[in-house]
Protein backbone atom coordinates (compact mmCIF):
# COMPACT_ATOMS: atom_id res chain seq x y z
CA UNK A 1 113.37 88.48 130.11
CA UNK A 2 115.38 87.58 127.08
CA UNK A 3 113.06 84.50 126.81
CA UNK A 4 110.18 86.87 126.51
CA UNK A 5 112.02 88.92 123.94
CA UNK A 6 112.90 85.92 121.84
CA UNK A 7 109.62 84.70 121.93
CA UNK A 8 108.22 88.19 120.80
CA UNK A 9 110.86 88.27 118.08
CA UNK A 10 109.69 84.55 116.83
CA UNK A 11 105.98 85.75 116.67
CA UNK A 12 107.18 88.85 114.49
CA UNK A 13 109.22 86.72 112.29
CA UNK A 14 106.18 84.31 111.81
CA UNK A 15 103.94 87.28 110.97
CA UNK A 16 106.53 88.56 108.50
CA UNK A 17 106.48 85.11 106.81
CA UNK A 18 102.71 85.03 106.96
CA UNK A 19 102.54 88.44 105.30
CA UNK A 20 104.96 87.29 102.53
CA UNK A 21 102.84 84.33 101.95
CA UNK A 22 99.56 86.28 101.75
CA UNK A 23 101.16 88.74 99.33
CA UNK A 24 102.27 85.66 97.02
CA UNK A 25 98.70 84.29 97.27
CA UNK A 26 97.29 87.37 96.35
CA UNK A 27 99.57 87.73 93.34
CA UNK A 28 98.71 84.04 92.31
CA UNK A 29 102.30 83.06 92.79
CA UNK A 30 101.42 79.76 94.07
CA UNK A 31 104.91 77.98 93.34
CA UNK A 32 106.65 80.59 95.51
CA UNK A 33 103.72 80.35 98.03
CA UNK A 34 104.26 76.55 98.35
CA UNK A 35 107.96 77.11 98.81
CA UNK A 36 107.49 79.05 101.77
CA UNK A 37 105.21 76.42 103.36
CA UNK A 38 107.74 74.50 104.93
CA UNK A 39 109.48 77.47 106.46
CA UNK A 40 106.25 78.70 107.90
CA UNK A 41 105.44 75.36 109.40
CA UNK A 42 108.85 75.26 111.29
CA UNK A 43 108.56 78.75 112.40
CA UNK A 44 105.09 77.81 113.75
CA UNK A 45 106.67 74.72 115.55
CA UNK A 46 109.64 77.08 116.83
CA UNK A 47 107.05 79.44 118.35
CA UNK A 48 104.77 76.63 119.79
CA UNK A 49 108.02 75.04 121.48
CA UNK A 50 108.93 78.42 123.06
CA UNK A 51 105.52 79.22 124.17
CA UNK A 52 105.56 75.66 126.21
CA UNK A 53 108.65 76.61 127.79
CA UNK A 54 107.89 80.06 128.74
CA UNK A 55 105.55 81.88 131.17
CA UNK A 56 103.83 84.58 129.39
CA UNK A 57 103.67 87.81 131.47
CA UNK A 58 100.66 89.94 131.06
CA UNK A 59 102.89 92.72 129.27
CA UNK A 60 103.98 89.94 126.68
CA UNK A 61 100.49 88.54 126.18
CA UNK A 62 99.34 92.35 125.46
CA UNK A 63 102.30 92.51 122.71
CA UNK A 64 101.55 89.06 121.12
CA UNK A 65 97.69 89.25 120.97
CA UNK A 66 97.77 91.67 117.72
CA UNK A 67 100.17 89.43 116.12
CA UNK A 68 98.19 86.45 116.82
CA UNK A 69 95.26 88.30 115.42
CA UNK A 70 97.09 89.26 112.25
CA UNK A 71 98.33 85.79 111.82
CA UNK A 72 94.79 84.37 111.93
CA UNK A 73 93.46 86.95 109.54
CA UNK A 74 96.37 86.06 107.18
CA UNK A 75 95.68 82.20 107.32
CA UNK A 76 91.87 82.79 106.79
CA UNK A 77 92.73 84.87 103.51
CA UNK A 78 95.17 82.57 102.41
CA UNK A 79 92.69 79.75 102.81
CA UNK A 80 90.34 81.43 100.96
CA UNK A 81 92.53 82.40 97.99
CA UNK A 82 93.76 78.60 97.95
CA UNK A 83 90.00 77.47 97.89
CA UNK A 84 89.33 79.97 95.00
CA UNK A 85 92.54 78.58 93.05
CA UNK A 86 91.35 74.91 93.70
CA UNK A 87 87.99 76.03 92.15
CA UNK A 88 89.90 77.53 88.99
CA UNK A 89 91.95 74.36 88.86
CA UNK A 90 88.91 72.07 89.01
CA UNK A 91 87.19 74.03 86.19
CA UNK A 92 90.49 73.76 83.95
CA UNK A 93 90.53 69.92 84.76
CA UNK A 94 86.94 69.55 83.89
CA UNK A 95 87.34 71.58 80.65
CA UNK A 96 90.24 69.37 79.85
CA UNK A 97 88.34 66.23 80.26
CA UNK A 98 85.32 67.80 78.17
CA UNK A 99 87.90 68.72 75.29
CA UNK A 100 89.24 65.11 75.49
CA UNK A 101 85.98 63.64 75.25
CA UNK A 102 85.05 65.73 72.12
CA UNK A 103 88.36 65.21 70.57
CA UNK A 104 87.92 61.27 71.23
CA UNK A 105 84.39 61.25 70.06
CA UNK A 106 85.32 63.16 66.82
CA UNK A 107 88.41 61.52 66.35
CA UNK A 108 86.61 58.25 65.60
CA UNK A 109 85.25 59.98 62.63
CA UNK A 110 88.62 61.03 61.12
CA UNK A 111 89.24 59.79 57.70
CA UNK A 112 85.70 59.05 56.96
CA UNK A 113 83.56 61.32 54.81
CA UNK A 114 80.12 61.71 56.02
CA UNK A 115 77.18 62.38 53.48
CA UNK A 116 73.69 63.63 54.44
CA UNK A 117 71.10 60.80 53.71
CA UNK A 118 67.79 61.17 52.34
CA UNK A 119 65.31 60.77 55.25
């Protein structure tokens, strides 16, 4: 019975960590989110190992099911927010490259005075 309670506790801790990560993603706190990633992966591994060594009675499965559902929803939302952030970063990189190209093109003319010619 204590193994079942331990497993339930691990799922609850995993969900708490997932909720924290989702909050960080919603607040665009990307560095902090990445900081939690290792702990999250370790928590998933811990739950996976516990599930492999524990027979899950129906009552425990019933308790775990909503936790799993919420975990999956959180992961989907986090992935969506991360994909949006990647698009923002791509746009910034593209903008930076365009700025560099413009600066490079106009930099070749620095120090030269250009006069309109008669055509």
